[in-house]
């Protein structure tokens, strides 16, 4: 992307401080798609549970799956029940 190459020298430090540098780098690459596979997996997708309902069991995406696919680190505090407002 031309905008990314043009702005990187000026904005790289700001992007790093905001924690979005890796995400912006990822946006430069176009993922390969397989239309037949996308059609096949949507057959098993359940909108109610947001999971794949396969013959063996239900399967869903986790943050670790997203990290493995995108290479983006997970940088968020752990969720605890004390964080829920009363």
N, C-alpha and C. Protein backbone atom coordinates (compact mmCIF):
# COMPACT_ATOMS: atom_id res chain seq x y z
N UNK A 1 0.85 -1.18 0.00
CA UNK A 1 0.00 0.00 0.00
C UNK A 1 0.89 1.24 0.00
N UNK A 2 0.57 2.13 -0.88
CA UNK A 2 1.41 3.31 -1.00
C UNK A 2 1.28 4.23 0.21
N UNK A 3 0.10 4.32 0.79
CA UNK A 3 -0.07 5.21 1.95
C UNK A 3 0.79 4.74 3.12
N UNK A 4 0.91 3.42 3.29
CA UNK A 4 1.68 2.89 4.41
C UNK A 4 3.16 3.20 4.22
N UNK A 5 3.68 2.96 3.01
CA UNK A 5 5.09 3.27 2.75
C UNK A 5 5.38 4.76 2.89
N UNK A 6 4.44 5.58 2.49
CA UNK A 6 4.64 7.03 2.55
C UNK A 6 4.63 7.55 3.98
N UNK A 7 3.75 7.00 4.83
CA UNK A 7 3.61 7.52 6.19
C UNK A 7 4.48 6.84 7.24
N UNK A 8 5.03 5.68 6.94
CA UNK A 8 5.82 4.94 7.93
C UNK A 8 6.97 5.74 8.51
N UNK A 9 7.77 6.45 7.72
CA UNK A 9 8.88 7.21 8.33
C UNK A 9 8.41 8.24 9.36
N UNK A 10 7.27 8.87 9.12
CA UNK A 10 6.78 9.91 10.03
C UNK A 10 5.99 9.35 11.20
N UNK A 11 5.22 8.31 10.98
CA UNK A 11 4.23 7.84 11.96
C UNK A 11 4.63 6.55 12.69
N UNK A 12 5.73 5.93 12.35
CA UNK A 12 6.09 4.64 12.91
C UNK A 12 6.16 4.66 14.43
N UNK A 13 6.76 5.67 15.01
CA UNK A 13 6.88 5.76 16.47
C UNK A 13 5.51 5.90 17.13
N UNK A 14 4.64 6.69 16.53
CA UNK A 14 3.29 6.88 17.08
C UNK A 14 2.50 5.58 16.99
N UNK A 15 2.60 4.90 15.84
CA UNK A 15 1.89 3.64 15.67
C UNK A 15 2.37 2.60 16.67
N UNK A 16 3.68 2.58 16.91
CA UNK A 16 4.22 1.63 17.89
C UNK A 16 3.71 1.94 19.29
N UNK A 17 3.68 3.22 19.65
CA UNK A 17 3.19 3.62 20.97
C UNK A 17 1.72 3.26 21.16
N UNK A 18 0.94 3.35 20.09
CA UNK A 18 -0.47 3.00 20.15
C UNK A 18 -0.70 1.48 20.08
N UNK A 19 0.34 0.73 19.72
CA UNK A 19 0.21 -0.71 19.63
C UNK A 19 -0.45 -1.20 18.36
N UNK A 20 -0.44 -0.38 17.30
CA UNK A 20 -1.10 -0.78 16.05
C UNK A 20 -0.11 -0.99 14.91
N UNK A 21 1.18 -0.92 15.21
CA UNK A 21 2.19 -1.08 14.16
C UNK A 21 2.07 -2.45 13.46
N UNK A 22 1.94 -3.51 14.24
CA UNK A 22 1.82 -4.85 13.65
C UNK A 22 0.56 -4.98 12.80
N UNK A 23 -0.54 -4.42 13.26
CA UNK A 23 -1.79 -4.48 12.51
C UNK A 23 -1.66 -3.74 11.18
N UNK A 24 -1.04 -2.58 11.19
CA UNK A 24 -0.87 -1.84 9.95
C UNK A 24 0.06 -2.57 8.99
N UNK A 25 1.10 -3.21 9.51
CA UNK A 25 1.97 -4.02 8.65
C UNK A 25 1.20 -5.17 8.03
N UNK A 26 0.33 -5.78 8.81
CA UNK A 26 -0.48 -6.90 8.32
C UNK A 26 -1.40 -6.46 7.19
N UNK A 27 -1.86 -5.21 7.21
CA UNK A 27 -2.79 -4.72 6.19
C UNK A 27 -2.13 -4.62 4.82
N UNK A 28 -0.82 -4.70 4.75
CA UNK A 28 -0.12 -4.62 3.47
C UNK A 28 -0.21 -5.90 2.66
N UNK A 29 -0.60 -6.99 3.28
CA UNK A 29 -0.62 -8.27 2.61
C UNK A 29 -2.05 -8.70 2.31
N UNK A 30 -2.27 -9.20 1.13
CA UNK A 30 -3.59 -9.69 0.75
C UNK A 30 -3.65 -11.19 1.04
N UNK A 31 -4.61 -11.62 1.85
CA UNK A 31 -4.70 -13.05 2.12
C UNK A 31 -5.20 -13.82 0.90
N UNK A 32 -4.74 -15.04 0.76
CA UNK A 32 -5.24 -15.86 -0.33
C UNK A 32 -6.56 -16.48 0.11
N UNK A 33 -7.48 -16.59 -0.81
CA UNK A 33 -8.78 -17.16 -0.48
C UNK A 33 -9.05 -18.37 -1.36
N UNK A 34 -9.87 -19.26 -0.85
CA UNK A 34 -10.29 -20.45 -1.57
C UNK A 34 -11.81 -20.47 -1.55
N UNK A 35 -12.46 -19.93 -2.60
CA UNK A 35 -13.92 -19.80 -2.60
C UNK A 35 -14.68 -21.08 -2.30
N UNK A 36 -14.21 -22.22 -2.79
CA UNK A 36 -14.91 -23.47 -2.52
C UNK A 36 -14.83 -23.83 -1.04
N UNK A 37 -13.69 -23.59 -0.42
CA UNK A 37 -13.54 -23.88 1.01
C UNK A 37 -14.41 -22.95 1.85
N UNK A 38 -14.48 -21.68 1.46
CA UNK A 38 -15.32 -20.73 2.20
C UNK A 38 -16.78 -21.17 2.14
N UNK A 39 -17.23 -21.59 0.97
CA UNK A 39 -18.59 -22.09 0.84
C UNK A 39 -18.84 -23.33 1.68
N UNK A 40 -17.85 -24.18 1.76
CA UNK A 40 -17.98 -25.42 2.52
C UNK A 40 -18.07 -25.14 4.02
N UNK A 41 -17.19 -24.29 4.55
CA UNK A 41 -17.21 -24.05 5.99
C UNK A 41 -18.44 -23.25 6.41
N UNK A 42 -18.98 -22.42 5.52
CA UNK A 42 -20.19 -21.68 5.90
C UNK A 42 -21.39 -22.61 6.06
N UNK A 43 -21.33 -23.76 5.43
CA UNK A 43 -22.39 -24.75 5.61
C UNK A 43 -22.48 -25.21 7.07
N UNK A 44 -21.36 -25.24 7.76
CA UNK A 44 -21.31 -25.72 9.14
C UNK A 44 -21.41 -24.58 10.16
N UNK A 45 -21.44 -23.32 9.73
CA UNK A 45 -21.46 -22.18 10.66
C UNK A 45 -22.84 -22.00 11.25
N UNK A 46 -22.90 -21.79 12.55
CA UNK A 46 -24.17 -21.56 13.24
C UNK A 46 -24.18 -20.11 13.73
N UNK A 47 -25.09 -19.31 13.24
CA UNK A 47 -25.16 -17.89 13.62
C UNK A 47 -25.56 -17.69 15.08
N UNK A 48 -26.30 -18.62 15.63
CA UNK A 48 -26.76 -18.48 17.00
C UNK A 48 -25.62 -18.62 17.99
N UNK A 49 -24.77 -19.60 17.79
CA UNK A 49 -23.67 -19.86 18.74
C UNK A 49 -22.33 -19.31 18.27
N UNK A 50 -22.26 -18.82 17.01
CA UNK A 50 -21.01 -18.34 16.43
C UNK A 50 -19.91 -19.41 16.50
N UNK A 51 -20.28 -20.62 16.20
CA UNK A 51 -19.37 -21.76 16.17
C UNK A 51 -19.62 -22.57 14.91
N UNK A 52 -18.65 -23.44 14.61
CA UNK A 52 -18.85 -24.42 13.56
C UNK A 52 -19.45 -25.66 14.21
N UNK A 53 -20.55 -26.15 13.66
CA UNK A 53 -21.18 -27.38 14.16
C UNK A 53 -20.76 -28.51 13.23
N UNK A 54 -19.74 -29.24 13.65
CA UNK A 54 -19.19 -30.34 12.86
C UNK A 54 -19.74 -31.67 13.35
N UNK A 55 -19.65 -32.72 12.54
CA UNK A 55 -20.15 -34.03 12.98
C UNK A 55 -19.50 -34.51 14.28
N UNK A 56 -18.24 -34.16 14.52
CA UNK A 56 -17.57 -34.64 15.73
C UNK A 56 -17.90 -33.80 16.96
N UNK A 57 -18.08 -32.48 16.81
CA UNK A 57 -18.40 -31.57 17.92
C UNK A 57 -18.44 -30.13 17.42
N UNK A 58 -18.78 -29.20 18.33
CA UNK A 58 -18.74 -27.79 17.98
C UNK A 58 -17.30 -27.29 18.06
N UNK A 59 -16.96 -26.34 17.20
CA UNK A 59 -15.62 -25.78 17.21
C UNK A 59 -15.72 -24.29 16.96
N UNK A 60 -15.00 -23.49 17.74
CA UNK A 60 -15.02 -22.05 17.57
C UNK A 60 -13.63 -21.47 17.53
N UNK A 61 -13.56 -20.18 17.24
CA UNK A 61 -12.28 -19.48 17.18
C UNK A 61 -11.94 -18.93 18.56
N UNK A 62 -10.67 -18.95 18.91
CA UNK A 62 -10.21 -18.36 20.15
C UNK A 62 -9.21 -17.25 19.82
N UNK A 63 -8.84 -16.47 20.83
CA UNK A 63 -7.83 -15.43 20.61
C UNK A 63 -6.51 -16.05 20.18
N UNK A 64 -6.19 -17.23 20.67
CA UNK A 64 -4.96 -17.89 20.26
C UNK A 64 -5.00 -18.27 18.79
N UNK A 65 -6.17 -18.66 18.29
CA UNK A 65 -6.31 -18.95 16.86
C UNK A 65 -6.06 -17.69 16.03
N UNK A 66 -6.64 -16.59 16.45
CA UNK A 66 -6.46 -15.32 15.73
C UNK A 66 -4.99 -14.92 15.76
N UNK A 67 -4.33 -15.10 16.89
CA UNK A 67 -2.91 -14.78 17.00
C UNK A 67 -2.09 -15.65 16.06
N UNK A 68 -2.41 -16.93 16.01
CA UNK A 68 -1.67 -17.85 15.13
C UNK A 68 -1.87 -17.51 13.66
N UNK A 69 -3.07 -17.11 13.29
CA UNK A 69 -3.37 -16.80 11.89
C UNK A 69 -2.78 -15.46 11.47
N UNK A 70 -2.95 -14.44 12.31
CA UNK A 70 -2.53 -13.08 11.93
C UNK A 70 -1.12 -12.73 12.37
N UNK A 71 -0.62 -13.38 13.42
CA UNK A 71 0.69 -13.03 13.96
C UNK A 71 0.64 -11.83 14.88
N UNK A 72 -0.57 -11.32 15.17
CA UNK A 72 -0.71 -10.17 16.07
C UNK A 72 -0.67 -10.64 17.52
N UNK A 73 0.06 -9.93 18.38
CA UNK A 73 0.11 -10.33 19.79
C UNK A 73 -1.17 -9.94 20.52
N UNK A 74 -1.50 -10.69 21.55
CA UNK A 74 -2.63 -10.35 22.41
C UNK A 74 -2.09 -9.53 23.55
N UNK A 75 -2.45 -8.25 23.58
CA UNK A 75 -1.97 -7.36 24.63
C UNK A 75 -3.16 -6.74 25.34
N UNK A 76 -3.79 -7.50 26.19
CA UNK A 76 -4.91 -6.96 26.96
C UNK A 76 -4.84 -7.55 28.35
N UNK A 77 -5.38 -6.82 29.34
CA UNK A 77 -5.37 -7.37 30.69
C UNK A 77 -6.28 -8.58 30.80
N UNK A 78 -5.95 -9.46 31.71
CA UNK A 78 -6.82 -10.60 31.93
C UNK A 78 -8.15 -10.13 32.49
N UNK A 79 -9.21 -10.79 32.08
CA UNK A 79 -10.54 -10.43 32.56
C UNK A 79 -10.82 -11.16 33.86
N UNK A 80 -11.26 -10.42 34.85
CA UNK A 80 -11.65 -11.03 36.12
C UNK A 80 -13.06 -10.54 36.46
N UNK A 81 -13.72 -11.24 37.33
CA UNK A 81 -15.08 -10.87 37.69
C UNK A 81 -15.12 -9.55 38.46
N UNK A 82 -14.01 -9.15 39.05
CA UNK A 82 -13.96 -7.86 39.74
C UNK A 82 -14.09 -6.70 38.76
N UNK A 83 -13.88 -6.94 37.48
CA UNK A 83 -13.96 -5.89 36.46
C UNK A 83 -15.40 -5.60 36.04
N UNK A 84 -16.34 -6.45 36.41
CA UNK A 84 -17.73 -6.26 36.02
C UNK A 84 -18.36 -5.20 36.92
N UNK A 85 -18.92 -4.14 36.33
CA UNK A 85 -19.57 -3.11 37.16
C UNK A 85 -20.83 -3.66 37.79
N UNK A 86 -21.10 -3.20 38.96
CA UNK A 86 -22.31 -3.68 39.68
C UNK A 86 -23.52 -2.83 39.34
